[in-house]
Amino acid sequence: MIKVHEITLRRMAQRQGLRLSKIRRMDRRAIDYGRYRLMAEHPAAPVPPGGELTAEEVEMYLTR
């Protein structure tokens, strides 16, 4: 993913009370390589089910 797009997703998440973190897996064959996780910054913020998401899934969740 392009770094600019990642920064945009981080800002979108922050405006909704979420924090976007990248899973730092080094093994390209790992299931969660290159995926992201949304975490709540506040207890009342909703968090998507599932855990690890692709950049496209993160964008779809944040723009719903």
Protein backbone atom coordinates (compact mmCIF):
# COMPACT_ATOMS: atom_id res chain seq x y z
CA MET A 1 0.00 0.00 0.00
CA ILE A 2 1.19 3.48 -0.75
CA LYS A 3 2.28 5.33 2.39
CA VAL A 4 0.01 8.31 1.62
CA HIS A 5 -3.01 6.02 1.50
CA GLU A 6 -2.01 4.47 4.84
CA ILE A 7 -1.73 7.93 6.43
CA THR A 8 -5.17 8.83 5.07
CA LEU A 9 -6.65 5.66 6.59
CA ARG A 10 -4.98 6.45 9.93
CA ARG A 11 -6.53 9.93 9.97
CA MET A 12 -9.96 8.56 9.03
CA ALA A 13 -9.73 6.06 11.88
CA GLN A 14 -8.61 8.72 14.34
CA ARG A 15 -11.62 10.90 13.51
CA GLN A 16 -13.87 7.94 14.41
CA GLY A 17 -12.12 7.25 17.72
CA LEU A 18 -10.12 4.30 16.39
CA ARG A 19 -6.43 3.59 16.00
CA LEU A 20 -5.03 1.85 12.92
CA SER A 21 -1.97 -0.31 13.47
CA LYS A 22 -0.06 -2.35 10.93
CA ILE A 23 0.80 -5.93 11.77
CA ARG A 24 4.60 -6.06 11.56
CA ARG A 25 4.99 -9.60 10.27
CA MET A 26 8.20 -10.16 8.30
CA ASP A 27 7.29 -13.54 6.81
CA ARG A 28 5.49 -13.02 3.48
CA ARG A 29 3.92 -16.48 3.76
CA ALA A 30 2.24 -15.67 7.07
CA ILE A 31 -1.55 -15.35 7.01
CA ASP A 32 -1.54 -11.88 8.57
CA TYR A 33 1.34 -10.43 6.51
CA GLY A 34 0.58 -6.90 5.29
CA ARG A 35 -2.65 -6.60 7.26
CA TYR A 36 -3.98 -3.99 9.62
CA ARG A 37 -5.85 -3.93 12.91
CA LEU A 38 -8.36 -1.32 14.09
CA MET A 39 -8.43 -0.77 17.84
CA ALA A 40 -10.69 1.47 19.90
CA GLU A 41 -9.08 4.50 21.53
CA HIS A 42 -12.18 5.04 23.64
CA PRO A 43 -14.30 2.35 25.31
CA ALA A 44 -17.46 3.50 23.49
CA ALA A 45 -15.97 3.31 19.98
CA PRO A 46 -17.15 0.32 17.91
CA VAL A 47 -14.48 -2.04 16.62
CA PRO A 48 -14.95 -4.22 13.52
CA PRO A 49 -15.26 -7.95 14.14
CA GLY A 50 -12.61 -10.27 12.82
CA GLY A 51 -9.26 -8.81 13.80
CA GLU A 52 -6.84 -8.53 10.87
CA LEU A 53 -8.07 -6.57 7.85
CA THR A 54 -6.66 -5.67 4.46
CA ALA A 55 -6.29 -2.00 3.51
CA GLU A 56 -9.39 -2.27 1.31
CA GLU A 57 -11.44 -3.77 4.17
CA VAL A 58 -10.27 -1.00 6.51
CA GLU A 59 -11.32 1.65 3.99
CA MET A 60 -14.72 0.02 3.48
CA TYR A 61 -15.29 -0.12 7.24
CA LEU A 62 -14.28 3.50 7.79
CA THR A 63 -16.39 4.86 4.94
CA ARG A 64 -19.58 2.96 5.73
